[in-house]
Protein backbone atom coordinates (compact mmCIF):
# COMPACT_ATOMS: atom_id res chain seq x y z
CA MET A 1 74.37 98.31 75.08
CA THR A 2 71.78 96.06 73.42
CA THR A 3 68.25 97.42 73.76
CA ILE A 4 64.83 95.91 73.11
CA ASP A 5 61.22 97.03 73.42
CA LEU A 6 58.76 94.94 75.45
CA ASN A 7 55.17 95.28 74.28
CA SER A 8 51.88 93.91 75.55
CA ASP A 9 48.33 93.77 74.17
CA LEU A 10 46.09 95.50 76.71
CA GLY A 11 42.80 97.36 77.11
CA GLU A 12 40.89 94.15 76.43
CA SER A 13 38.33 94.44 79.21
CA PHE A 14 34.72 95.20 78.27
CA GLY A 15 32.31 97.01 80.57
CA PRO A 16 32.35 95.19 83.93
CA TRP A 17 34.20 92.19 82.45
CA VAL A 18 37.92 92.33 83.23
CA MET A 19 40.64 90.78 81.08
CA GLY A 20 44.20 90.68 82.44
CA ASN A 21 46.03 93.02 84.80
CA ASP A 22 46.74 96.09 82.70
CA ALA A 23 48.13 98.21 85.53
CA ALA A 24 50.76 95.60 86.39
CA MET A 25 51.69 94.95 82.76
CA ILE A 26 52.16 98.66 82.05
CA GLU A 27 54.69 98.77 84.89
CA LEU A 28 56.77 96.17 83.02
CA ALA A 29 56.23 97.00 79.33
CA SER A 30 57.77 99.83 77.34
CA SER A 31 54.96 99.93 74.75
CA VAL A 32 51.36 98.73 74.74
CA ASN A 33 48.82 97.92 72.04
CA VAL A 34 45.28 98.94 72.99
CA ALA A 35 42.17 97.13 71.81
CA CYS A 36 39.90 99.52 69.93
CA GLY A 37 36.42 98.12 70.53
CA TYR A 38 36.10 95.59 67.69
CA HIS A 39 37.63 92.43 69.18
CA ALA A 40 37.68 93.76 72.77
CA GLY A 41 37.67 96.96 74.76
CA ASP A 42 35.41 99.98 74.94
CA ALA A 43 35.85 103.74 75.16
CA ASP A 44 36.19 103.80 78.96
CA THR A 45 38.67 100.93 79.01
CA MET A 46 40.68 102.59 76.25
CA ARG A 47 40.81 105.86 78.19
CA ARG A 48 41.96 104.16 81.40
CA THR A 49 44.64 102.22 79.55
CA VAL A 50 45.96 105.30 77.76
CA GLU A 51 46.06 107.30 80.99
CA MET A 52 48.02 104.56 82.77
CA ALA A 53 50.47 104.37 79.87
CA LYS A 54 50.88 108.14 79.83
CA ALA A 55 51.65 108.20 83.55
CA ARG A 56 54.45 105.68 82.98
CA GLY A 57 55.77 107.16 79.72
CA VAL A 58 54.86 103.97 77.87
CA ARG A 59 54.19 104.17 74.12
CA VAL A 60 50.59 103.58 73.02
CA GLY A 61 49.54 101.87 69.81
CA ALA A 62 46.25 100.85 68.21
CA HIS A 63 45.46 97.13 68.13
CA PRO A 64 42.78 96.71 65.44
CA GLY A 65 41.12 93.36 64.83
CA TYR A 66 38.14 91.79 63.13
CA ARG A 67 34.74 92.91 64.45
CA ASP A 68 34.22 89.84 66.62
CA LEU A 69 33.71 90.53 70.32
CA GLN A 70 32.35 87.05 71.03
CA GLY A 71 35.35 85.35 69.46
CA PHE A 72 37.88 87.88 70.80
CA GLY A 73 39.00 88.56 67.24
CA ARG A 74 40.64 85.15 66.98
CA ARG A 75 38.26 83.80 64.32
CA PRO A 76 38.95 84.72 60.67
CA ILE A 77 36.13 86.59 58.95
CA VAL A 78 36.12 85.51 55.32
CA GLY A 79 34.85 87.45 52.33
CA LEU A 80 35.93 90.95 53.36
CA SER A 81 37.15 93.16 50.53
CA ALA A 82 40.40 95.11 50.67
CA ALA A 83 38.36 98.30 51.14
CA GLU A 84 36.46 96.82 54.08
CA ILE A 85 39.68 95.75 55.79
CA GLU A 86 41.28 99.14 55.15
CA ASN A 87 38.22 100.86 56.63
CA LEU A 88 38.01 98.70 59.75
CA VAL A 89 41.69 99.37 60.45
CA ALA A 90 41.35 103.12 59.85
CA TYR A 91 38.19 103.27 61.98
CA GLN A 92 39.86 101.62 64.98
CA ILE A 93 43.02 103.73 64.74
CA GLY A 94 40.86 106.84 64.66
CA ALA A 95 38.92 105.70 67.73
CA LEU A 96 42.09 105.35 69.77
CA GLN A 97 43.52 108.60 68.43
CA GLY A 98 40.43 110.40 69.67
CA ILE A 99 40.66 108.81 73.12
CA ALA A 100 44.40 109.49 73.31
CA ALA A 101 43.90 113.14 72.35
CA ALA A 102 41.27 113.49 75.09
CA ALA A 103 43.84 112.13 77.55
CA GLY A 104 46.57 114.44 76.25
CA TYR A 105 48.60 111.63 74.71
CA LYS A 106 49.48 110.35 71.24
CA VAL A 107 49.19 107.09 69.31
CA THR A 108 52.60 106.08 67.98
CA HIS A 109 52.07 102.71 66.29
CA VAL A 110 49.64 100.09 65.01
CA LYS A 111 49.67 96.32 65.45
CA ALA A 112 47.02 94.05 63.93
CA HIS A 113 45.33 91.68 66.37
CA GLY A 114 44.67 87.96 66.37
CA ALA A 115 43.09 86.41 63.30
CA LEU A 116 43.45 89.62 61.28
CA SER A 117 47.20 89.49 61.79
CA ASN A 118 47.40 85.74 61.24
CA VAL A 119 45.53 85.96 57.94
CA ALA A 120 47.67 88.91 56.82
CA CYS A 121 50.87 86.98 57.52
CA GLU A 122 49.92 84.62 54.70
CA ASP A 123 47.57 86.69 52.51
CA ASP A 124 48.95 89.59 50.47
CA MET A 125 45.59 91.32 50.00
CA THR A 126 44.88 91.46 53.72
CA ALA A 127 48.41 92.59 54.54
CA ARG A 128 48.29 95.36 51.94
CA ALA A 129 44.84 96.48 53.12
CA ILE A 130 46.05 96.80 56.73
CA ALA A 131 49.06 98.83 55.60
CA ALA A 132 46.82 101.01 53.42
CA GLY A 133 44.51 101.71 56.36
CA ILE A 134 47.43 102.81 58.52
CA LYS A 135 48.96 104.96 55.79
CA ALA A 136 45.65 106.63 55.01
CA VAL A 137 45.28 107.76 58.63
CA ASP A 138 48.91 108.74 59.31
CA PRO A 139 51.93 107.54 57.28
CA THR A 140 54.24 108.32 60.21
CA LEU A 141 52.61 105.68 62.43
CA LYS A 142 54.95 102.75 63.02
CA PHE A 143 53.66 99.41 61.74
CA VAL A 144 54.39 96.51 64.11
CA VAL A 145 54.82 93.42 61.94
CA LEU A 146 55.52 89.76 62.59
CA ALA A 147 59.05 89.19 61.33
CA ASN A 148 59.53 87.30 58.04
CA THR A 149 55.87 87.50 56.92
CA ARG A 150 53.80 89.21 54.22
CA LEU A 151 53.09 92.00 56.71
CA VAL A 152 56.72 93.06 56.33
CA ARG A 153 56.49 93.26 52.54
CA ALA A 154 53.19 95.14 52.69
CA GLY A 155 54.58 97.67 55.14
CA GLU A 156 57.71 98.19 53.05
CA ALA A 157 55.65 98.68 49.89
CA ALA A 158 53.50 101.27 51.68
CA GLY A 159 56.58 103.11 52.92
CA LEU A 160 55.61 102.74 56.58
CA PRO A 161 58.24 102.68 59.34
CA LEU A 162 58.38 99.06 60.51
CA ILE A 163 58.84 97.50 63.95
CA HIS A 164 59.68 93.79 63.68
CA GLU A 165 58.08 91.71 66.43
CA VAL A 166 58.66 88.32 68.00
CA PHE A 167 56.55 86.63 70.67
CA ALA A 168 57.79 85.54 74.07
CA ASP A 169 54.85 83.26 74.86
CA ARG A 170 53.98 81.71 71.48
CA ALA A 171 55.50 78.75 69.64
CA TYR A 172 56.79 79.09 66.07
CA GLU A 173 56.42 76.93 62.99
CA ASP A 174 59.41 76.24 60.71
CA ASP A 175 58.34 79.08 58.37
CA ALA A 176 58.50 81.61 61.24
CA THR A 177 54.71 81.89 61.53
CA LEU A 178 53.00 81.32 64.87
CA VAL A 179 51.68 77.88 65.75
CA SER A 180 47.88 77.99 65.58
CA ARG A 181 46.16 78.35 68.94
CA ARG A 182 44.10 75.32 67.93
CA LYS A 183 47.23 73.16 68.32
CA PRO A 184 48.60 71.97 71.68
CA GLY A 185 51.66 73.83 72.85
CA ALA A 186 50.89 76.97 70.85
CA VAL A 187 50.91 79.15 73.98
CA LEU A 188 53.87 78.83 76.35
CA HIS A 189 53.51 79.01 80.14
CA ASP A 190 56.91 78.03 81.61
CA THR A 191 57.97 81.35 83.12
CA ALA A 192 61.67 80.57 83.53
CA GLY A 193 61.83 78.90 80.13
CA ILE A 194 60.18 81.88 78.44
CA ALA A 195 62.65 84.27 80.08
CA ARG A 196 65.63 82.23 78.85
CA ARG A 197 64.04 81.99 75.41
CA VAL A 198 63.62 85.75 75.09
CA VAL A 199 67.24 86.44 76.07
CA ARG A 200 68.37 83.93 73.44
CA MET A 201 66.09 85.43 70.78
CA VAL A 202 67.36 88.95 71.40
CA ARG A 203 71.01 87.90 71.56
CA ASP A 204 70.90 85.61 68.50
CA ARG A 205 68.38 87.68 66.53
CA ALA A 206 66.57 84.45 65.81
CA VAL A 207 63.51 82.44 66.84
CA VAL A 208 63.54 78.69 67.42
CA SER A 209 60.70 76.67 65.90
CA VAL A 210 58.90 73.70 67.46
CA SER A 211 61.21 71.39 65.49
CA GLY A 212 64.32 73.13 66.87
CA LYS A 213 65.09 75.11 63.73
CA SER A 214 66.80 78.48 64.31
CA ILE A 215 65.36 81.17 62.03
CA LYS A 216 67.16 84.50 61.71
CA VAL A 217 64.82 87.48 62.06
CA GLN A 218 65.03 91.19 62.71
CA ILE A 219 63.85 91.89 66.25
CA ASP A 220 62.79 95.33 67.47
CA THR A 221 60.16 94.34 70.03
CA VAL A 222 59.08 91.30 72.05
CA CYS A 223 55.40 90.72 72.85
CA ILE A 224 53.99 89.23 76.02
CA HIS A 225 50.22 88.77 75.74
CA GLY A 226 48.31 90.45 78.53
CA ASP A 227 45.64 87.73 78.51
CA THR A 228 48.07 84.81 78.86
CA ALA A 229 47.75 83.00 82.21
CA GLY A 230 50.53 84.26 84.48
CA ALA A 231 51.28 87.19 82.16
CA VAL A 232 52.54 89.48 84.93
CA GLU A 233 54.91 86.84 86.31
CA ILE A 234 56.16 86.11 82.78
CA ALA A 235 56.74 89.79 82.03
CA ARG A 236 58.54 90.31 85.33
CA ALA A 237 60.81 87.30 84.72
CA VAL A 238 61.55 88.36 81.13
CA ARG A 239 62.42 91.90 82.13
CA GLN A 240 64.66 90.70 84.96
CA ALA A 241 66.43 88.20 82.69
CA LEU A 242 67.05 90.85 80.05
CA THR A 243 68.49 93.25 82.62
CA GLU A 244 70.71 90.56 84.13
CA ASN A 245 72.08 89.81 80.68
CA GLY A 246 72.92 93.42 79.88
CA ILE A 247 69.93 94.07 77.64
CA ASP A 248 68.16 97.39 78.29
CA VAL A 249 64.36 97.60 77.90
CA ARG A 250 63.40 100.80 76.08
CA PRO A 251 60.53 101.94 73.84
CA PHE A 252 61.21 101.45 70.14
C-alpha cells in the first residue's frame, strides 16, 4: 500500500493570542512542526502542542525561523552570517527539545519556517547553515526539505536523513519553488481541489506548477499550513481523499 505523511505547522499562538486550531489539526496530521518562539509560539504553547501530539502518537519536530515575531518569520532578515543562522537554528531546536523532554516526548525532525526556508531554497550558505545547526545538535534528526531545492543538497552534504516535502495549499513556480506569498494565488483555498491535487501529487510523485508543468519530485510528506483559512476542513478533505484512493497516512 502507498503511504504518505501529513504534516502541519502548529504551536504558533503567543500568550493570549490564538493562531489556528492545533487540537483539530493534530487529530488529522501524522507529524507536526512546532514553532520555537522566534517567529511564533512561546514555552507554554510549545508544551501544550507537544502534549497533544504525544497523546495522539503524532511525531513532533522543531520549526525554527528568523527572529521576527511581528512579521511571523515571513520577512527575510539580510546580513546574517552562517554562524548566526546555525546558532539560531540550534537554539530553537534546543528549546523544543527541553520542552519535549519535560513532557516525556522526543523531537524527531526539523523543518525551517517561512522566509528562512524560502531563502535557503535558493541560497547555498543559508541552506548549509541550517543543516549545520541541525547536525550540531543531533545528526540523527530528520531534516524536512522542500523537494528539488538547495536544502536537499545541503542536507545530503551534511549526511542528515532527509524527508522530502510538498505543499498541499501552496502554488508552485516552474522551478519547483513556492510562489511568493506576495503574489496572488500563492495560497490555495479550494478544499475539494486541494484534496484532488494531493492525491495526484502522491500518485504521480510530481507537483504541477502554475503554468501546468509537471515536475517530478520525491515526496515523503505533504504539508497543510495550520494558519491557512479553513485549514481543518482542508486537512479533513485531504485525509479522506487519500484514504478513499488507497493511500495510507502514516508518520514518516
